[in-house]
Protein backbone atom coordinates (compact mmCIF):
# COMPACT_ATOMS: atom_id res chain seq x y z
CA MET A 1 -17.64 -24.91 -0.77
CA THR A 2 -16.60 -22.55 2.02
CA THR A 3 -15.25 -19.08 1.36
CA ARG A 4 -11.87 -20.17 2.73
CA ARG A 5 -11.61 -23.09 0.32
CA ARG A 6 -12.75 -20.92 -2.60
CA VAL A 7 -10.07 -18.36 -1.80
CA LEU A 8 -7.37 -21.03 -1.52
CA ARG A 9 -8.31 -22.55 -4.86
CA LYS A 10 -8.17 -19.12 -6.50
CA LEU A 11 -4.84 -18.36 -4.84
CA VAL A 12 -3.33 -21.55 -6.25
CA ALA A 13 -4.36 -20.44 -9.73
CA CYS A 14 -3.13 -16.86 -9.22
CA THR A 15 0.23 -17.86 -7.77
CA ALA A 16 0.80 -20.38 -10.51
CA ALA A 17 0.20 -17.60 -13.04
CA LEU A 18 2.74 -15.42 -11.23
CA GLY A 19 5.30 -18.20 -11.29
CA VAL A 20 5.56 -18.35 -7.49
CA THR A 21 6.48 -21.73 -6.07
CA PHE A 22 5.85 -22.96 -2.55
CA THR A 23 8.54 -25.30 -1.41
CA ALA A 24 7.67 -24.65 2.22
CA GLY A 25 4.02 -23.80 2.21
CA CYS A 26 2.51 -26.40 4.57
CA ALA A 27 2.48 -26.79 8.34
CA GLY A 28 5.87 -27.82 9.64
CA ALA A 29 7.62 -27.15 6.35
CA GLY A 30 10.58 -24.81 6.13
CA SER A 31 12.04 -25.89 9.46
CA LEU A 32 14.87 -28.07 8.13
CA GLY A 33 18.19 -26.57 9.11
CA ALA A 34 16.59 -23.79 11.17
CA SER A 35 17.74 -23.17 14.74
CA ASP A 36 15.44 -22.47 17.68
CA ASP A 37 16.75 -18.89 17.75
CA GLU A 38 16.32 -18.19 14.04
CA VAL A 39 13.59 -15.76 13.01
CA THR A 40 12.45 -15.95 9.39
CA ILE A 41 11.01 -12.68 8.12
CA ALA A 42 9.07 -12.20 4.88
CA LEU A 43 9.23 -8.61 3.61
CA VAL A 44 8.14 -6.62 0.57
CA SER A 45 11.20 -5.24 -1.21
CA ASN A 46 10.43 -1.53 -0.73
CA SER A 47 13.09 0.96 0.33
CA GLN A 48 11.97 1.23 3.97
CA MET A 49 12.18 -2.54 4.33
CA THR A 50 15.66 -2.51 2.80
CA ASP A 51 16.64 0.03 5.47
CA ALA A 52 15.44 -2.36 8.18
CA GLN A 53 17.68 -5.07 6.79
CA LYS A 54 20.64 -2.67 6.79
CA LEU A 55 20.02 -1.92 10.46
CA SER A 56 19.25 -5.48 11.54
CA SER A 57 22.77 -5.93 12.93
CA GLU A 58 21.70 -3.48 15.65
CA PHE A 59 18.94 -5.90 16.65
CA GLU A 60 21.24 -8.90 16.59
CA ALA A 61 23.75 -7.03 18.77
CA GLN A 62 20.99 -6.40 21.32
CA ASN A 63 19.82 -10.02 21.10
CA PRO A 64 22.92 -12.26 21.06
CA GLY A 65 22.29 -15.68 19.57
CA THR A 66 19.24 -14.63 17.55
CA LYS A 67 19.76 -15.03 13.82
CA LEU A 68 17.55 -13.17 11.35
CA LYS A 69 16.72 -14.66 7.98
CA PHE A 70 15.11 -12.25 5.49
CA ILE A 71 13.07 -13.26 2.48
CA THR A 72 12.29 -10.25 0.29
CA LEU A 73 9.93 -10.35 -2.68
CA SER A 74 8.19 -7.92 -4.99
CA GLU A 75 4.76 -6.79 -3.81
CA ASN A 76 2.72 -9.13 -6.02
CA GLN A 77 4.87 -12.16 -5.22
CA ALA A 78 5.01 -11.38 -1.50
CA ARG A 79 1.22 -11.14 -1.29
CA ALA A 80 0.77 -14.48 -3.01
CA LYS A 81 3.48 -16.37 -1.12
CA ILE A 82 2.61 -15.02 2.34
CA THR A 83 -1.11 -15.56 1.82
CA MET A 84 -0.71 -19.15 0.67
CA SER A 85 1.69 -20.06 3.47
CA THR A 86 -0.44 -18.47 6.20
CA ALA A 87 -3.75 -19.80 4.88
CA MET A 88 -2.37 -23.34 4.73
CA GLY A 89 -1.15 -23.13 8.33
CA GLY A 90 2.46 -22.98 7.20
CA SER A 91 5.38 -22.37 9.55
CA GLU A 92 7.62 -21.02 6.80
CA PHE A 93 7.58 -17.50 8.24
CA ASP A 94 7.84 -16.26 11.80
CA VAL A 95 7.18 -12.67 10.75
CA ALA A 96 4.99 -11.83 7.77
CA MET A 97 4.60 -8.41 6.20
CA ILE A 98 0.89 -7.90 5.55
CA SER A 99 -1.47 -4.96 5.31
CA ASN A 100 -4.75 -3.66 6.62
CA PHE A 101 -6.44 -5.61 3.83
CA GLU A 102 -5.42 -9.03 5.15
CA THR A 103 -5.16 -8.43 8.89
CA PRO A 104 -8.82 -8.18 10.01
CA GLN A 105 -9.85 -11.07 7.74
CA TRP A 106 -7.00 -13.33 8.83
CA ALA A 107 -7.55 -12.48 12.50
CA ARG A 108 -11.21 -13.45 12.16
CA ASP A 109 -10.19 -16.73 10.55
CA GLY A 110 -7.69 -17.49 13.32
CA TRP A 111 -4.60 -17.30 11.09
CA LEU A 112 -2.70 -14.71 13.17
CA ARG A 113 -1.50 -14.30 16.75
CA ASN A 114 -2.91 -11.53 18.94
CA LEU A 115 -0.14 -8.92 19.12
CA SER A 116 -1.89 -6.71 21.67
CA GLU A 117 -1.16 -9.43 24.22
CA TYR A 118 2.55 -9.13 23.41
CA ALA A 119 2.49 -5.32 23.26
CA ARG A 120 0.95 -4.96 26.71
CA GLN A 121 3.77 -7.01 28.20
CA THR A 122 6.51 -4.99 26.46
CA PRO A 123 7.62 -1.96 28.53
CA GLY A 124 7.61 1.31 26.58
CA TYR A 125 6.11 -0.16 23.40
CA ASP A 126 2.90 1.93 23.64
CA GLU A 127 0.51 0.57 21.01
CA ASN A 128 -1.77 3.56 21.65
CA ASP A 129 0.89 5.75 20.04
CA PHE A 130 0.01 4.32 16.63
CA ILE A 131 -2.21 6.66 14.55
CA SER A 132 -5.74 5.68 15.48
CA SER A 133 -7.04 5.06 11.95
CA LEU A 134 -4.20 2.61 11.31
CA ARG A 135 -4.56 0.94 14.69
CA GLU A 136 -8.25 0.34 14.06
CA SER A 137 -7.61 -0.97 10.54
CA LEU A 138 -5.23 -3.61 11.95
CA SER A 139 -7.54 -4.67 14.79
CA TYR A 140 -10.17 -7.35 15.27
CA GLU A 141 -12.51 -7.30 18.26
CA GLY A 142 -10.41 -4.63 19.95
CA ASN A 143 -6.99 -6.26 19.59
CA MET A 144 -4.21 -5.64 17.09
CA TYR A 145 -3.16 -8.63 15.03
CA ALA A 146 -0.48 -6.75 13.10
CA VAL A 147 1.42 -3.57 13.96
CA PRO A 148 2.28 -0.88 11.41
CA PHE A 149 5.83 -0.47 10.13
CA TYR A 150 4.77 2.54 8.13
CA GLY A 151 1.41 4.00 7.21
CA GLU A 152 0.29 5.96 4.22
CA SER A 153 -2.45 7.75 2.43
CA SER A 154 -2.05 9.10 -1.10
CA PHE A 155 -1.24 12.58 -2.39
CA LEU A 156 -0.04 14.45 -5.45
CA MET A 157 3.67 15.18 -5.70
CA TYR A 158 4.82 17.83 -8.17
CA ARG A 159 7.97 19.64 -9.22
CA LYS A 160 7.61 23.24 -8.09
CA ASP A 161 10.36 24.42 -10.44
CA LEU A 162 8.73 22.84 -13.49
CA PHE A 163 5.36 24.30 -12.53
CA ALA A 164 6.95 27.76 -12.31
CA GLN A 165 8.61 27.34 -15.71
CA ALA A 166 5.22 26.38 -17.21
CA GLY A 167 3.49 29.34 -15.53
CA ILE A 168 1.24 27.09 -13.44
CA GLN A 169 0.24 28.67 -10.13
CA VAL A 170 -0.98 26.39 -7.34
CA PRO A 171 -3.33 28.04 -4.82
CA GLN A 172 -1.63 28.45 -1.45
CA ASP A 173 -4.84 27.95 0.54
CA PRO A 174 -4.07 25.12 3.03
CA ASN A 175 -7.59 23.73 2.44
CA TYR A 176 -7.14 23.58 -1.33
CA GLN A 177 -7.83 20.24 -2.99
CA PRO A 178 -7.04 19.95 -6.71
CA THR A 179 -9.58 18.32 -8.98
CA TRP A 180 -8.62 15.56 -11.37
CA GLN A 181 -9.64 17.83 -14.24
CA GLU A 182 -7.07 20.39 -13.07
CA VAL A 183 -4.43 17.71 -12.73
CA GLY A 184 -5.15 16.53 -16.26
CA GLN A 185 -4.69 20.07 -17.60
CA TRP A 186 -1.42 20.46 -15.69
CA ALA A 187 -0.12 17.14 -17.03
CA ASP A 188 -0.91 18.14 -20.60
CA ALA A 189 0.92 21.45 -20.15
CA LEU A 190 3.96 19.85 -18.50
CA LYS A 191 4.52 16.98 -20.92
CA THR A 192 7.51 17.36 -23.22
CA GLY A 193 9.25 15.07 -25.67
CA ASP A 194 11.42 13.47 -22.98
CA ARG A 195 9.34 14.09 -19.86
CA ALA A 196 5.92 12.80 -18.79
CA GLY A 197 3.38 15.21 -17.35
CA ILE A 198 2.36 12.69 -14.68
CA CYS A 199 3.26 9.17 -13.60
CA LEU A 200 0.37 6.84 -12.73
CA ARG A 201 0.63 3.14 -12.02
CA GLY A 202 -0.40 0.80 -14.81
CA LYS A 203 1.22 -2.47 -13.73
CA PRO A 204 -1.18 -5.39 -13.15
CA GLY A 205 -1.90 -6.25 -9.53
CA TRP A 206 -4.66 -5.33 -7.12
CA GLY A 207 -2.05 -3.51 -5.05
CA GLU A 208 -0.51 -1.84 -8.09
CA VAL A 209 -2.69 -0.15 -10.75
CA LEU A 210 -5.90 -0.57 -8.73
CA ALA A 211 -4.56 1.36 -5.73
CA PRO A 212 -4.58 4.80 -7.40
CA LEU A 213 -7.34 3.91 -9.85
CA ASP A 214 -9.79 2.92 -7.11
CA THR A 215 -9.43 6.34 -5.49
CA VAL A 216 -10.28 7.89 -8.86
CA ILE A 217 -13.31 5.61 -9.23
CA ASN A 218 -14.47 6.49 -5.71
CA THR A 219 -14.24 10.24 -6.14
CA PHE A 220 -15.91 10.09 -9.57
CA GLY A 221 -18.92 8.52 -7.81
CA GLY A 222 -18.25 4.92 -8.80
CA ARG A 223 -18.17 1.75 -6.68
CA TRP A 224 -17.47 -1.97 -7.08
CA PHE A 225 -20.80 -3.21 -5.68
CA ASP A 226 -24.08 -1.65 -4.58
CA GLU A 227 -25.65 -2.43 -1.21
CA GLN A 228 -27.16 -5.67 -2.56
CA TRP A 229 -23.80 -6.87 -3.94
CA ASN A 230 -24.75 -6.13 -7.53
CA ALA A 231 -21.54 -5.52 -9.50
CA GLN A 232 -21.17 -1.91 -10.67
CA LEU A 233 -18.03 -1.96 -12.81
CA SER A 234 -20.00 -1.21 -15.96
CA SER A 235 -21.79 1.78 -14.41
CA PRO A 236 -21.44 5.21 -16.09
CA GLN A 237 -19.46 6.55 -13.12
CA VAL A 238 -16.89 3.74 -13.25
CA ARG A 239 -16.61 3.99 -17.03
CA GLN A 240 -16.06 7.74 -16.80
CA ALA A 241 -13.40 7.34 -14.11
CA VAL A 242 -11.47 4.57 -15.86
CA ASN A 243 -11.63 6.30 -19.23
CA PHE A 244 -10.26 9.46 -17.59
CA TYR A 245 -7.39 7.56 -15.95
CA VAL A 246 -6.45 5.55 -19.05
CA ASP A 247 -6.73 8.56 -21.37
CA LEU A 248 -4.57 10.68 -19.05
CA VAL A 249 -1.85 8.03 -18.88
CA LYS A 250 -1.86 7.53 -22.65
CA ARG A 251 -1.91 11.26 -23.38
CA SER A 252 0.50 12.71 -20.84
CA GLY A 253 1.78 9.82 -18.76
CA GLU A 254 4.98 7.81 -18.78
CA LEU A 255 6.12 5.52 -21.56
CA GLY A 256 5.50 1.83 -20.89
CA ALA A 257 2.82 2.66 -18.32
CA ALA A 258 1.31 -0.82 -18.49
CA SER A 259 4.40 -2.16 -16.72
CA THR A 260 4.93 0.78 -14.35
CA GLY A 261 4.27 0.38 -10.63
CA PHE A 262 5.22 2.23 -7.47
CA GLN A 263 8.96 1.65 -7.72
CA GLU A 264 9.14 2.53 -11.41
CA CYS A 265 7.24 5.80 -10.84
CA ALA A 266 9.54 6.61 -7.91
CA ASN A 267 12.55 6.20 -10.18
CA LEU A 268 11.03 8.34 -12.93
CA PHE A 269 10.04 11.13 -10.58
CA GLY A 270 13.35 11.03 -8.76
CA GLN A 271 15.25 11.26 -12.04
CA GLY A 272 13.19 14.20 -13.34
CA GLN A 273 11.44 12.19 -16.05
CA THR A 274 7.95 13.11 -14.86
CA ALA A 275 6.64 16.43 -13.52
CA MET A 276 3.96 14.94 -11.26
CA TRP A 277 3.28 11.68 -9.49
CA TYR A 278 0.07 10.62 -7.70
CA ASP A 279 0.85 7.86 -5.24
CA ALA A 280 1.62 6.90 -1.65
CA THR A 281 2.61 9.48 0.94
CA SER A 282 5.36 7.07 2.03
CA ALA A 283 7.30 7.92 -1.13
CA VAL A 284 8.84 10.85 0.74
CA SER A 285 11.22 8.49 2.54
CA VAL A 286 13.18 8.17 -0.70
CA LEU A 287 12.36 11.35 -2.60
CA GLU A 288 13.29 13.66 0.26
CA ASP A 289 16.53 11.87 1.06
CA PRO A 290 19.37 14.22 -0.02
CA LYS A 291 21.70 11.23 -0.36
CA GLU A 292 19.33 9.59 -2.83
CA TYR A 293 18.18 12.59 -4.86
CA PRO A 294 20.23 15.68 -3.98
CA ASP A 295 18.87 17.61 -6.98
CA LEU A 296 15.30 17.33 -5.66
CA VAL A 297 15.85 18.95 -2.27
CA GLY A 298 13.34 21.80 -1.86
CA LYS A 299 11.82 21.29 -5.31
CA ILE A 300 8.87 19.00 -4.49
CA GLY A 301 5.41 20.31 -3.66
CA TYR A 302 2.63 18.24 -2.14
CA LEU A 303 -1.15 18.44 -2.53
CA PRO A 304 -4.03 16.29 -1.20
CA ALA A 305 -5.38 13.46 -3.33
CA PRO A 306 -7.25 14.99 -6.30
CA ILE A 307 -11.05 14.95 -6.11
CA VAL A 308 -14.16 15.17 -8.28
CA GLU A 309 -17.26 14.51 -6.17
CA LYS A 310 -16.00 12.81 -3.03
CA PRO A 311 -13.65 14.84 -0.79
CA ASN A 312 -10.79 13.23 1.15
CA ALA A 313 -10.14 10.82 -1.68
CA GLY A 314 -6.80 9.52 -0.38
CA TRP A 315 -6.41 5.87 0.48
CA LEU A 316 -5.51 4.32 3.83
CA TYR A 317 -2.82 1.69 3.83
CA THR A 318 -0.13 0.26 6.03
CA TRP A 319 2.58 -2.27 5.58
CA ALA A 320 2.49 -4.02 8.91
CA LEU A 321 4.08 -7.01 10.62
CA GLY A 322 2.16 -10.00 11.92
CA ILE A 323 2.95 -13.43 13.35
CA PRO A 324 1.27 -16.40 11.62
CA LYS A 325 -0.47 -18.78 14.01
CA ALA A 326 1.91 -21.63 13.12
CA ALA A 327 5.13 -19.60 13.42
CA LYS A 328 7.99 -21.73 14.79
CA ASN A 329 9.47 -18.92 16.91
CA PRO A 330 6.67 -16.49 17.90
CA ASP A 331 8.53 -15.03 20.87
CA GLY A 332 11.58 -14.31 18.75
CA ALA A 333 9.28 -12.91 16.08
CA TRP A 334 7.75 -10.46 18.54
CA LYS A 335 11.20 -9.35 19.72
CA PHE A 336 12.04 -8.42 16.15
CA ILE A 337 8.65 -6.85 15.40
CA SER A 338 8.69 -4.76 18.56
CA TRP A 339 12.18 -3.54 17.63
CA MET A 340 11.31 -2.69 14.00
CA THR A 341 8.11 -0.81 14.95
CA SER A 342 9.33 0.92 18.11
CA LYS A 343 9.90 4.59 18.88
CA ASP A 344 13.60 3.84 19.30
CA TYR A 345 13.76 2.38 15.78
CA MET A 346 12.49 5.68 14.36
CA LYS A 347 15.35 7.49 16.10
CA LEU A 348 17.82 4.85 14.95
CA VAL A 349 16.87 5.31 11.30
CA GLY A 350 17.19 9.08 11.60
CA GLU A 351 20.57 8.94 13.28
CA LYS A 352 22.06 6.20 11.09
CA LEU A 353 20.49 6.74 7.66
CA GLY A 354 19.09 10.28 7.73
CA TRP A 355 15.89 11.77 9.10
CA ALA A 356 14.15 11.77 5.73
CA ARG A 357 14.24 7.98 5.77
CA VAL A 358 12.26 7.60 8.99
CA PRO A 359 9.24 5.33 8.27
CA PRO A 360 6.32 7.78 8.06
CA GLY A 361 2.72 7.62 9.11
CA SER A 362 2.74 4.97 11.83
CA ARG A 363 3.34 6.63 15.23
CA THR A 364 2.04 10.03 16.28
CA SER A 365 5.23 10.52 18.31
CA THR A 366 7.20 10.59 15.07
CA TYR A 367 5.52 13.94 14.38
CA THR A 368 5.56 15.29 17.93
CA ASP A 369 8.66 13.94 19.69
CA LEU A 370 11.34 13.98 16.99
CA PRO A 371 12.31 17.62 16.37
CA GLU A 372 14.79 16.59 13.68
CA TYR A 373 12.07 14.85 11.70
CA GLU A 374 9.62 17.68 12.24
CA ALA A 375 12.17 20.15 10.88
CA ILE A 376 12.85 18.27 7.63
CA SER A 377 9.20 17.22 7.01
CA LYS A 378 7.49 20.61 7.16
CA SER A 379 6.42 20.41 3.51
CA TYR A 380 4.91 16.92 3.70
CA GLY A 381 4.64 15.76 7.34
CA PRO A 382 1.45 17.62 8.34
CA LEU A 383 -0.27 16.70 5.06
CA THR A 384 0.71 13.04 5.47
CA LEU A 385 -0.72 12.95 8.98
CA ARG A 386 -3.90 14.80 7.97
CA SER A 387 -4.45 12.56 4.95
CA ILE A 388 -4.14 9.40 7.04
CA GLU A 389 -6.41 10.73 9.77
CA ASN A 390 -9.06 11.92 7.26
CA ALA A 391 -9.18 8.72 5.21
CA THR A 392 -12.62 7.07 5.30
CA PRO A 393 -12.30 3.28 4.75
CA ASN A 394 -15.74 2.71 6.28
CA ARG A 395 -17.31 5.22 3.85
CA PRO A 396 -15.11 4.87 0.78
CA THR A 397 -17.54 5.98 -1.92
CA VAL A 398 -20.17 8.61 -2.71
CA GLN A 399 -22.98 6.04 -2.62
CA PRO A 400 -23.43 3.37 0.10
CA VAL A 401 -21.55 0.09 -0.26
CA PRO A 402 -21.53 -3.20 1.70
CA TYR A 403 -17.74 -3.34 1.99
CA THR A 404 -14.90 -1.41 3.61
CA GLY A 405 -11.65 -0.26 2.05
CA ILE A 406 -10.69 2.63 -0.20
CA GLN A 407 -8.17 1.26 -2.68
CA PHE A 408 -9.44 -2.28 -2.19
CA VAL A 409 -12.65 -4.15 -1.39
CA GLY A 410 -12.23 -5.73 2.03
CA ILE A 411 -13.32 -9.28 1.16
CA PRO A 412 -11.12 -12.40 0.72
CA GLU A 413 -12.10 -12.80 -2.94
CA PHE A 414 -10.62 -9.42 -3.83
CA GLN A 415 -7.09 -10.81 -4.12
CA ASP A 416 -8.24 -12.85 -7.12
CA LEU A 417 -10.93 -10.47 -8.38
CA GLY A 418 -8.69 -7.43 -8.13
CA THR A 419 -5.85 -9.22 -9.91
CA ARG A 420 -8.12 -10.19 -12.78
CA VAL A 421 -9.61 -6.71 -13.12
CA SER A 422 -6.16 -5.10 -12.92
CA GLN A 423 -5.02 -7.24 -15.83
CA GLN A 424 -7.93 -5.92 -17.89
CA ILE A 425 -7.09 -2.30 -17.00
CA SER A 426 -3.40 -2.79 -17.83
CA ALA A 427 -4.38 -4.26 -21.17
CA ALA A 428 -6.44 -1.12 -21.88
CA ILE A 429 -3.51 1.11 -20.90
CA ALA A 430 -1.27 -0.90 -23.23
CA GLY A 431 -3.77 -0.36 -26.05
CA GLN A 432 -4.54 -4.06 -26.35
CA LYS A 433 -8.27 -3.53 -25.79
CA SER A 434 -10.73 -0.71 -25.22
CA VAL A 435 -11.75 0.49 -21.77
CA ASP A 436 -15.33 -0.59 -22.50
CA ASP A 437 -14.21 -4.12 -23.32
CA ALA A 438 -11.97 -4.25 -20.24
CA LEU A 439 -14.82 -3.15 -17.98
CA THR A 440 -17.32 -5.50 -19.61
CA GLN A 441 -15.05 -8.43 -18.77
CA SER A 442 -14.36 -7.00 -15.30
CA GLN A 443 -18.09 -6.70 -14.67
CA GLU A 444 -18.49 -10.41 -15.39
CA TYR A 445 -15.75 -11.27 -12.90
CA ALA A 446 -17.35 -9.06 -10.24
CA GLU A 447 -20.81 -10.52 -10.83
CA VAL A 448 -19.52 -13.99 -9.94
CA VAL A 449 -18.18 -12.72 -6.63
CA GLY A 450 -21.28 -10.65 -5.93
CA ARG A 451 -23.55 -13.67 -6.33
CA THR A 452 -21.67 -15.57 -3.61
CA TYR A 453 -22.58 -12.81 -1.15
CA GLN A 454 -26.18 -12.56 -2.37
CA GLU A 455 -26.58 -16.27 -1.69
CA LYS A 456 -25.45 -16.03 1.94
């Protein structure tokens, strides 16, 4: 059985478990009732994507006759639905929100259209303005097959006022990187009866709990596979890292952590129910918006991703926009994509919704050519840019590995493998099983995948 068929079989099982149905998942499906000028866009329901929907009337005004149809889903459901539709050659979506995990693999498999060809024919679009690490992560054989809407690494967000009240002093050295041991001590000191010391994702999903946890595993010296594709999830380094993460969440983290993801942590931090939050640098688009959280203005501090052994532990990720090969309206899709990822869109967001809401981490010009954004992002803009530029997806761990990716393993099977392992970790966070038992089961899952690469 080919890798592609294996992945599709596993996706069917995963999506069935998630309760996602595919009424328009095959080639030609989803076209009933659609006009030639309709563009169907699949988005993850994060705040930046909601902003794009709010501003979409600006696009329609500039493109009379073009009708936009948005389909927004939670992260786990969006991944499953978009993957299944694209892999099956479906024409359900003209624009698909994907990441630097899917893009190189899908480009290699011929599932996506070459967007560099479109970009070069679009005056003023300037694909070279995208931050180089993101541009490379979305490229295959020198061409981009998705373009970034926003880019991110990960960092530690903390309430400066609560730190001061607790007598915690953070070194002001610009090169300072906190260790996870320090962060654990801070969380313990900051936890109160009605406030968590830190919020860490615990929700199942390879893009949920495994995103922060994998950076912890990497910097503790762990890895998913060794150079010969032998699974390493039961290694001492991985066990130490996962035990640290789970113990910290249970001891000083948020209540109900096993069902807490990015959005839930954002709400808790924004409402003052946690003193720290380790997560995506893109969170600033909401947290620093004075309309959203006026009480937080000037109170948030930012530090690089915590480390143990490996420096520059932050992840590299981008929510990007691609055009599936079988899209019904690829030209209309590119018109929308080039609008939503353009320099002018960044200015539009700032002027219409507030400069704090500008999608961060995609274009270098956002940090050099928008004085309004530079002024409001002094506390987090330079660190965001530095974290993205310093991320090392080709050298994600202390020891050598045969894969790329920091918060994921860049192989097709990881969608299924990561989901299964994340369920084990969430169960450990919920107290339903021990970390050792969770990793023993996870090791068995990883061994199955590893053997398929050893046999090639």
